[in-house]
Amino acid sequence: MSKLKKHYPCLWFDADGTLFDYERAEGSALKNTFEALDLRFEDDYLDIYQCINQGLWRALEKQEISSAVLRVRRFELLLEAVQLTGSADQMSTTYIEQLALRAELMDGAYEVLDALHGKCQFAIVTNGLQAVQRSRLKHSTIKDFISQLIISEEVGAAKPQAAFFDAAFARTAARNERPARSDVLIIGDSLTSDIQGGVDYGIDTCWYNPKAEPRPGDLPITYEIRHLHELLELLD
């Protein structure tokens, strides 16, 4: 990690797992969904759901499925896996309603944005669902810091696709001019969407790696941090 501070006029943050505590929100939303539909909920259902959901999101990144398919298919597979009878469509609707209310932040997210506010322009760049992400930001304590919320479902392309980054640059334009690629740093926890997408597009990347997972040797990551507070040591 470089010890020299650098100024980036534009900081792009991933949402889930970077600014928002998605694992905590996901667990609460799933349990509440089962309870709302009068279905038995067991603790191991969350692990099963996460495995299914993560696989489908990877398929979305590869353009193998759409977000509309993903939001229902994950519950079809979950009901099948836990051998319960229910409506996947109804589960999907209820789950999204529950998840949209959960705005818990990752440790340090508010403090870091507060410290850097006024020095940089913040955008959230996410592959999440529109109904979830806009509601969560609205209910969050960081909503006034964020100048743009760029959602794959709205722009018609997902990270790591170049079309998503094209849309993000267009939406974060200042004075009708797009920022230079050297002005932008993307911060995210996903190697396959945030970091690979940033590398492919030619912008600097910061891998948020709180679980200290092994760093891949074939991906030129600009920065790696374990805690969001470390951004204050990197950025001018």
C-alpha atoms as a PDB file:
ATOM      1  CA  MET A   1       0.000   0.000   0.000  1.00  0.00           C
ATOM      2  CA  SER A   2       1.336   3.415  -0.966  1.00  0.00           C
ATOM      3  CA  LYS A   3       2.194   5.767   1.900  1.00  0.00           C
ATOM      4  CA  LEU A   4       1.785   8.844  -0.290  1.00  0.00           C
ATOM      5  CA  LYS A   5      -1.634  10.420  -0.136  1.00  0.00           C
ATOM      6  CA  LYS A   6      -3.428  11.069  -3.393  1.00  0.00           C
ATOM      7  CA  HIS A   7      -6.421  13.243  -4.156  1.00  0.00           C
ATOM      8  CA  TYR A   8      -9.311  11.798  -6.150  1.00  0.00           C
ATOM      9  CA  PRO A   9     -12.090  14.278  -6.942  1.00  0.00           C
ATOM     10  CA  CYS A  10     -14.507  11.368  -7.424  1.00  0.00           C
ATOM     11  CA  LEU A  11     -14.887   8.437  -5.063  1.00  0.00           C
ATOM     12  CA  TRP A  12     -17.166   5.624  -6.218  1.00  0.00           C
ATOM     13  CA  PHE A  13     -18.313   3.290  -3.463  1.00  0.00           C
ATOM     14  CA  ASP A  14     -19.955  -0.062  -3.888  1.00  0.00           C
ATOM     15  CA  ALA A  15     -23.080  -0.349  -1.735  1.00  0.00           C
ATOM     16  CA  ASP A  16     -23.540  -3.825  -0.281  1.00  0.00           C
ATOM     17  CA  GLY A  17     -20.649  -5.085   1.789  1.00  0.00           C
ATOM     18  CA  THR A  18     -18.759  -1.808   1.439  1.00  0.00           C
ATOM     19  CA  LEU A  19     -20.929   1.015   2.765  1.00  0.00           C
ATOM     20  CA  PHE A  20     -23.967  -1.010   3.833  1.00  0.00           C
ATOM     21  CA  ASP A  21     -23.783  -4.036   6.121  1.00  0.00           C
ATOM     22  CA  TYR A  22     -25.479  -6.376   3.685  1.00  0.00           C
ATOM     23  CA  GLU A  23     -24.937  -9.592   5.634  1.00  0.00           C
ATOM     24  CA  ARG A  24     -26.719  -8.210   8.672  1.00  0.00           C
ATOM     25  CA  ALA A  25     -29.551  -6.749   6.590  1.00  0.00           C
ATOM     26  CA  GLU A  26     -29.878  -9.925   4.529  1.00  0.00           C
ATOM     27  CA  GLY A  27     -30.239 -12.157   7.573  1.00  0.00           C
ATOM     28  CA  SER A  28     -32.915  -9.992   9.179  1.00  0.00           C
ATOM     29  CA  ALA A  29     -34.837  -9.551   5.935  1.00  0.00           C
ATOM     30  CA  LEU A  30     -34.867 -13.267   5.153  1.00  0.00           C
ATOM     31  CA  LYS A  31     -36.071 -14.282   8.612  1.00  0.00           C
ATOM     32  CA  ASN A  32     -38.767 -11.579   8.572  1.00  0.00           C
ATOM     33  CA  THR A  33     -39.903 -12.759   5.143  1.00  0.00           C
ATOM     34  CA  PHE A  34     -40.438 -16.318   6.323  1.00  0.00           C
ATOM     35  CA  GLU A  35     -42.286 -15.109   9.404  1.00  0.00           C
ATOM     36  CA  ALA A  36     -44.496 -12.754   7.396  1.00  0.00           C
ATOM     37  CA  LEU A  37     -45.529 -15.627   5.127  1.00  0.00           C
ATOM     38  CA  ASP A  38     -46.065 -18.057   8.009  1.00  0.00           C
ATOM     39  CA  LEU A  39     -43.262 -20.349   6.852  1.00  0.00           C
ATOM     40  CA  ARG A  40     -40.941 -22.258   9.160  1.00  0.00           C
ATOM     41  CA  PHE A  41     -37.486 -20.660   9.371  1.00  0.00           C
ATOM     42  CA  GLU A  42     -34.355 -22.531  10.382  1.00  0.00           C
ATOM     43  CA  ASP A  43     -30.982 -20.898  11.026  1.00  0.00           C
ATOM     44  CA  ASP A  44     -29.244 -22.835   8.251  1.00  0.00           C
ATOM     45  CA  TYR A  45     -31.640 -21.396   5.667  1.00  0.00           C
ATOM     46  CA  LEU A  46     -29.544 -18.218   5.568  1.00  0.00           C
ATOM     47  CA  ASP A  47     -26.398 -20.106   4.531  1.00  0.00           C
ATOM     48  CA  ILE A  48     -28.356 -21.956   1.845  1.00  0.00           C
ATOM     49  CA  TYR A  49     -29.885 -18.730   0.573  1.00  0.00           C
ATOM     50  CA  GLN A  50     -26.544 -16.899   0.508  1.00  0.00           C
ATOM     51  CA  CYS A  51     -24.952 -19.658  -1.560  1.00  0.00           C
ATOM     52  CA  ILE A  52     -27.827 -19.559  -4.053  1.00  0.00           C
ATOM     53  CA  ASN A  53     -27.964 -15.774  -4.152  1.00  0.00           C
ATOM     54  CA  GLN A  54     -24.229 -15.276  -4.630  1.00  0.00           C
ATOM     55  CA  GLY A  55     -24.183 -17.725  -7.516  1.00  0.00           C
ATOM     56  CA  LEU A  56     -27.010 -15.885  -9.246  1.00  0.00           C
ATOM     57  CA  TRP A  57     -25.348 -12.501  -8.769  1.00  0.00           C
ATOM     58  CA  ARG A  58     -22.190 -13.885 -10.386  1.00  0.00           C
ATOM     59  CA  ALA A  59     -24.346 -15.016 -13.291  1.00  0.00           C
ATOM     60  CA  LEU A  60     -25.759 -11.484 -13.522  1.00  0.00           C
ATOM     61  CA  GLU A  61     -22.246 -10.036 -13.709  1.00  0.00           C
ATOM     62  CA  LYS A  62     -21.573 -12.378 -16.644  1.00  0.00           C
ATOM     63  CA  GLN A  63     -24.809 -11.270 -18.346  1.00  0.00           C
ATOM     64  CA  GLU A  64     -26.201 -14.802 -18.098  1.00  0.00           C
ATOM     65  CA  ILE A  65     -29.423 -13.738 -16.338  1.00  0.00           C
ATOM     66  CA  SER A  66     -31.376 -10.522 -15.763  1.00  0.00           C
ATOM     67  CA  SER A  67     -32.149  -8.875 -12.439  1.00  0.00           C
ATOM     68  CA  ALA A  68     -35.848  -9.672 -12.977  1.00  0.00           C
ATOM     69  CA  VAL A  69     -35.035 -13.373 -13.224  1.00  0.00           C
ATOM     70  CA  LEU A  70     -32.614 -13.243 -10.299  1.00  0.00           C
ATOM     71  CA  ARG A  71     -35.053 -11.722  -7.832  1.00  0.00           C
ATOM     72  CA  VAL A  72     -37.502 -14.632  -8.178  1.00  0.00           C
ATOM     73  CA  ARG A  73     -35.233 -17.531  -9.149  1.00  0.00           C
ATOM     74  CA  ARG A  74     -33.284 -17.359  -5.884  1.00  0.00           C
ATOM     75  CA  PHE A  75     -36.466 -18.086  -3.933  1.00  0.00           C
ATOM     76  CA  GLU A  76     -37.530 -20.855  -6.279  1.00  0.00           C
ATOM     77  CA  LEU A  77     -34.210 -22.547  -5.605  1.00  0.00           C
ATOM     78  CA  LEU A  78     -34.384 -21.841  -1.873  1.00  0.00           C
ATOM     79  CA  LEU A  79     -37.871 -23.326  -1.465  1.00  0.00           C
ATOM     80  CA  GLU A  80     -36.732 -26.367  -3.396  1.00  0.00           C
ATOM     81  CA  ALA A  81     -33.567 -26.726  -1.307  1.00  0.00           C
ATOM     82  CA  VAL A  82     -35.366 -26.543   2.065  1.00  0.00           C
ATOM     83  CA  GLN A  83     -38.328 -28.575   0.815  1.00  0.00           C
ATOM     84  CA  LEU A  84     -41.014 -26.018   1.558  1.00  0.00           C
ATOM     85  CA  THR A  85     -44.092 -25.127  -0.454  1.00  0.00           C
ATOM     86  CA  GLY A  86     -44.674 -21.454  -1.118  1.00  0.00           C
ATOM     87  CA  SER A  87     -44.833 -18.715  -3.719  1.00  0.00           C
ATOM     88  CA  ALA A  88     -41.410 -17.571  -4.917  1.00  0.00           C
ATOM     89  CA  ASP A  89     -42.997 -14.416  -6.346  1.00  0.00           C
ATOM     90  CA  GLN A  90     -44.569 -13.571  -3.010  1.00  0.00           C
ATOM     91  CA  MET A  91     -41.342 -14.302  -1.172  1.00  0.00           C
ATOM     92  CA  SER A  92     -39.423 -12.082  -3.552  1.00  0.00           C
ATOM     93  CA  THR A  93     -41.815  -9.166  -3.080  1.00  0.00           C
ATOM     94  CA  THR A  94     -41.823  -9.494   0.718  1.00  0.00           C
ATOM     95  CA  TYR A  95     -38.053  -9.913   0.926  1.00  0.00           C
ATOM     96  CA  ILE A  96     -37.386  -6.822  -1.171  1.00  0.00           C
ATOM     97  CA  GLU A  97     -39.783  -4.826   1.007  1.00  0.00           C
ATOM     98  CA  GLN A  98     -37.976  -6.024   4.120  1.00  0.00           C
ATOM     99  CA  LEU A  99     -34.481  -5.463   2.728  1.00  0.00           C
ATOM    100  CA  ALA A 100     -35.368  -1.964   1.552  1.00  0.00           C
ATOM    101  CA  LEU A 101     -35.899  -0.925   5.159  1.00  0.00           C
ATOM    102  CA  ARG A 102     -32.485  -2.084   6.349  1.00  0.00           C
ATOM    103  CA  ALA A 103     -29.901   0.704   6.219  1.00  0.00           C
ATOM    104  CA  GLU A 104     -27.256  -0.549   8.662  1.00  0.00           C
ATOM    105  CA  LEU A 105     -23.791   0.709   7.736  1.00  0.00           C
ATOM    106  CA  MET A 106     -20.419  -0.986   7.765  1.00  0.00           C
ATOM    107  CA  ASP A 107     -18.159   0.062  10.620  1.00  0.00           C
ATOM    108  CA  GLY A 108     -16.595   3.423   9.849  1.00  0.00           C
ATOM    109  CA  ALA A 109     -18.711   4.234   6.792  1.00  0.00           C
ATOM    110  CA  TYR A 110     -20.359   7.350   8.218  1.00  0.00           C
ATOM    111  CA  GLU A 111     -17.193   8.670   9.842  1.00  0.00           C
ATOM    112  CA  VAL A 112     -15.110   8.283   6.673  1.00  0.00           C
ATOM    113  CA  LEU A 113     -17.678   9.976   4.433  1.00  0.00           C
ATOM    114  CA  ASP A 114     -18.104  12.747   6.974  1.00  0.00           C
ATOM    115  CA  ALA A 115     -14.334  13.327   7.097  1.00  0.00           C
ATOM    116  CA  LEU A 116     -13.947  13.407   3.308  1.00  0.00           C
ATOM    117  CA  HIS A 117     -17.161  15.313   2.581  1.00  0.00           C
ATOM    118  CA  GLY A 118     -16.383  18.558   0.768  1.00  0.00           C
ATOM    119  CA  LYS A 119     -13.063  17.264  -0.527  1.00  0.00           C
ATOM    120  CA  CYS A 120     -14.492  14.679  -2.954  1.00  0.00           C
ATOM    121  CA  GLN A 121     -17.683  13.899  -4.787  1.00  0.00           C
ATOM    122  CA  PHE A 122     -19.228  10.613  -3.637  1.00  0.00           C
ATOM    123  CA  ALA A 123     -21.209   8.234  -5.794  1.00  0.00           C
ATOM    124  CA  ILE A 124     -22.594   4.801  -5.043  1.00  0.00           C
ATOM    125  CA  VAL A 125     -22.151   2.346  -7.893  1.00  0.00           C
ATOM    126  CA  THR A 126     -24.134  -0.832  -7.369  1.00  0.00           C
ATOM    127  CA  ASN A 127     -25.461  -3.934  -9.052  1.00  0.00           C
ATOM    128  CA  GLY A 128     -28.226  -4.090  -6.446  1.00  0.00           C
ATOM    129  CA  LEU A 129     -31.926  -3.793  -7.137  1.00  0.00           C
ATOM    130  CA  GLN A 130     -33.414  -0.337  -7.629  1.00  0.00           C
ATOM    131  CA  ALA A 131     -36.273  -0.825  -5.149  1.00  0.00           C
ATOM    132  CA  VAL A 132     -33.813  -1.845  -2.458  1.00  0.00           C
ATOM    133  CA  GLN A 133     -30.957   0.579  -3.024  1.00  0.00           C
ATOM    134  CA  ARG A 134     -32.944   3.792  -3.362  1.00  0.00           C
ATOM    135  CA  SER A 135     -34.993   3.025  -0.265  1.00  0.00           C
ATOM    136  CA  ARG A 136     -31.968   2.015   1.807  1.00  0.00           C
ATOM    137  CA  LEU A 137     -30.089   5.185   0.903  1.00  0.00           C
ATOM    138  CA  LYS A 138     -33.169   7.268   1.705  1.00  0.00           C
ATOM    139  CA  HIS A 139     -33.367   5.689   5.165  1.00  0.00           C
ATOM    140  CA  SER A 140     -29.620   5.935   5.844  1.00  0.00           C
ATOM    141  CA  THR A 141     -27.565   8.498   7.742  1.00  0.00           C
ATOM    142  CA  ILE A 142     -25.239   8.975   4.734  1.00  0.00           C
ATOM    143  CA  LYS A 143     -27.866  10.074   2.229  1.00  0.00           C
ATOM    144  CA  ASP A 144     -26.784  13.727   2.286  1.00  0.00           C
ATOM    145  CA  PHE A 145     -23.189  12.806   1.432  1.00  0.00           C
ATOM    146  CA  ILE A 146     -24.026  10.944  -1.797  1.00  0.00           C
ATOM    147  CA  SER A 147     -24.317  12.988  -4.978  1.00  0.00           C
ATOM    148  CA  GLN A 148     -25.169  10.105  -7.330  1.00  0.00           C
ATOM    149  CA  LEU A 149     -26.651   6.634  -6.962  1.00  0.00           C
ATOM    150  CA  ILE A 150     -25.892   4.576 -10.058  1.00  0.00           C
ATOM    151  CA  ILE A 151     -27.768   1.274 -10.195  1.00  0.00           C
ATOM    152  CA  SER A 152     -27.208  -1.425 -12.796  1.00  0.00           C
ATOM    153  CA  GLU A 153     -30.931  -2.139 -13.090  1.00  0.00           C
ATOM    154  CA  GLU A 154     -31.518   1.482 -14.119  1.00  0.00           C
ATOM    155  CA  VAL A 155     -28.623   1.868 -16.565  1.00  0.00           C
ATOM    156  CA  GLY A 156     -29.128  -1.503 -18.252  1.00  0.00           C
ATOM    157  CA  ALA A 157     -25.641  -2.846 -17.567  1.00  0.00           C
ATOM    158  CA  ALA A 158     -23.887  -4.298 -14.525  1.00  0.00           C
ATOM    159  CA  LYS A 159     -20.386  -4.126 -13.127  1.00  0.00           C
ATOM    160  CA  PRO A 160     -17.866  -5.177 -14.426  1.00  0.00           C
ATOM    161  CA  GLN A 161     -19.269  -4.306 -17.879  1.00  0.00           C
ATOM    162  CA  ALA A 162     -17.768  -1.227 -19.525  1.00  0.00           C
ATOM    163  CA  ALA A 163     -21.275   0.071 -20.307  1.00  0.00           C
ATOM    164  CA  PHE A 164     -21.942   0.405 -16.582  1.00  0.00           C
ATOM    165  CA  PHE A 165     -18.801   2.492 -16.120  1.00  0.00           C
ATOM    166  CA  ASP A 166     -19.690   4.600 -19.167  1.00  0.00           C
ATOM    167  CA  ALA A 167     -23.013   5.402 -17.502  1.00  0.00           C
ATOM    168  CA  ALA A 168     -21.337   6.139 -14.191  1.00  0.00           C
ATOM    169  CA  PHE A 169     -18.931   8.592 -15.804  1.00  0.00           C
ATOM    170  CA  ALA A 170     -21.784  10.309 -17.644  1.00  0.00           C
ATOM    171  CA  ARG A 171     -23.808  10.686 -14.453  1.00  0.00           C
ATOM    172  CA  THR A 172     -20.943  12.043 -12.382  1.00  0.00           C
ATOM    173  CA  ALA A 173     -20.040  14.693 -14.958  1.00  0.00           C
ATOM    174  CA  ALA A 174     -19.272  18.142 -13.577  1.00  0.00           C
ATOM    175  CA  ARG A 175     -19.857  21.290 -15.639  1.00  0.00           C
ATOM    176  CA  ASN A 176     -21.012  19.047 -18.500  1.00  0.00           C
ATOM    177  CA  GLU A 177     -17.621  17.337 -18.593  1.00  0.00           C
ATOM    178  CA  ARG A 178     -16.847  13.796 -17.578  1.00  0.00           C
ATOM    179  CA  PRO A 179     -14.091  13.412 -14.980  1.00  0.00           C
ATOM    180  CA  ALA A 180     -10.777  12.085 -16.183  1.00  0.00           C
ATOM    181  CA  ARG A 181     -10.248   8.428 -15.396  1.00  0.00           C
ATOM    182  CA  SER A 182      -7.313   9.415 -13.194  1.00  0.00           C
ATOM    183  CA  ASP A 183      -9.750  11.464 -11.065  1.00  0.00           C
ATOM    184  CA  VAL A 184     -11.803   8.436 -10.042  1.00  0.00           C
ATOM    185  CA  LEU A 185     -11.205   5.764  -7.396  1.00  0.00           C
ATOM    186  CA  ILE A 186     -13.616   2.856  -7.037  1.00  0.00           C
ATOM    187  CA  ILE A 187     -13.867   1.257  -3.589  1.00  0.00           C
ATOM    188  CA  GLY A 188     -15.534  -2.120  -3.240  1.00  0.00           C
ATOM    189  CA  ASP A 189     -15.413  -5.573  -1.709  1.00  0.00           C
ATOM    190  CA  SER A 190     -16.027  -7.590  -4.883  1.00  0.00           C
ATOM    191  CA  LEU A 191     -13.004  -8.633  -6.908  1.00  0.00           C
ATOM    192  CA  THR A 192     -15.167  -9.751  -9.829  1.00  0.00           C
ATOM    193  CA  SER A 193     -17.379  -6.669 -10.187  1.00  0.00           C
ATOM    194  CA  ASP A 194     -15.799  -3.653  -8.469  1.00  0.00           C
ATOM    195  CA  ILE A 195     -12.099  -4.357  -8.836  1.00  0.00           C
ATOM    196  CA  GLN A 196     -12.073  -6.237 -12.120  1.00  0.00           C
ATOM    197  CA  GLY A 197     -14.440  -3.692 -13.609  1.00  0.00           C
ATOM    198  CA  GLY A 198     -12.273  -0.793 -12.474  1.00  0.00           C
ATOM    199  CA  VAL A 199      -9.080  -2.405 -13.720  1.00  0.00           C
ATOM    200  CA  ASP A 200     -10.625  -3.185 -17.102  1.00  0.00           C
ATOM    201  CA  TYR A 201     -11.921   0.376 -17.424  1.00  0.00           C
ATOM    202  CA  GLY A 202      -8.605   1.949 -16.478  1.00  0.00           C
ATOM    203  CA  ILE A 203      -9.447   3.586 -13.157  1.00  0.00           C
ATOM    204  CA  ASP A 204      -7.716   3.154  -9.816  1.00  0.00           C
ATOM    205  CA  THR A 205      -9.178   0.571  -7.465  1.00  0.00           C
ATOM    206  CA  CYS A 206      -9.359   0.036  -3.718  1.00  0.00           C
ATOM    207  CA  TRP A 207     -10.236  -3.453  -2.554  1.00  0.00           C
ATOM    208  CA  TYR A 208     -12.098  -3.404   0.747  1.00  0.00           C
ATOM    209  CA  ASN A 209     -11.059  -6.731   2.219  1.00  0.00           C
ATOM    210  CA  PRO A 210     -12.190  -6.878   5.869  1.00  0.00           C
ATOM    211  CA  LYS A 211     -11.900 -10.681   6.055  1.00  0.00           C
ATOM    212  CA  ALA A 212      -8.257 -10.635   4.910  1.00  0.00           C
ATOM    213  CA  GLU A 213      -8.886 -12.935   1.972  1.00  0.00           C
ATOM    214  CA  PRO A 214      -5.852 -13.871  -0.152  1.00  0.00           C
ATOM    215  CA  ARG A 215      -4.948 -11.232  -2.695  1.00  0.00           C
ATOM    216  CA  PRO A 216      -5.016 -12.524  -6.280  1.00  0.00           C
ATOM    217  CA  GLY A 217      -1.665 -12.297  -8.004  1.00  0.00           C
ATOM    218  CA  ASP A 218      -3.062 -11.598 -11.466  1.00  0.00           C
ATOM    219  CA  LEU A 219      -5.163  -8.524 -10.636  1.00  0.00           C
ATOM    220  CA  PRO A 220      -3.337  -5.161 -10.391  1.00  0.00           C
ATOM    221  CA  ILE A 221      -5.178  -3.672  -7.411  1.00  0.00           C
ATOM    222  CA  THR A 222      -4.134  -0.089  -6.629  1.00  0.00           C
ATOM    223  CA  TYR A 223      -4.925  -0.191  -2.901  1.00  0.00           C
ATOM    224  CA  GLU A 224      -6.126  -2.780  -0.405  1.00  0.00           C
ATOM    225  CA  ILE A 225      -7.690  -1.945   2.964  1.00  0.00           C
ATOM    226  CA  ARG A 226      -9.079  -3.962   5.865  1.00  0.00           C
ATOM    227  CA  HIS A 227     -11.080  -1.118   7.419  1.00  0.00           C
ATOM    228  CA  LEU A 228     -12.778   1.860   5.806  1.00  0.00           C
ATOM    229  CA  HIS A 229     -10.897   4.206   8.139  1.00  0.00           C
ATOM    230  CA  GLU A 230      -7.731   3.330   6.220  1.00  0.00           C
ATOM    231  CA  LEU A 231      -9.048   5.450   3.351  1.00  0.00           C
ATOM    232  CA  LEU A 232      -8.210   8.522   5.405  1.00  0.00           C
ATOM    233  CA  GLU A 233      -4.559   7.451   5.371  1.00  0.00           C
ATOM    234  CA  LEU A 234      -4.601   7.072   1.575  1.00  0.00           C
ATOM    235  CA  LEU A 235      -6.579  10.055   0.400  1.00  0.00           C
ATOM    236  CA  ASP A 236      -5.669  13.714   0.454  1.00  0.00           C
END
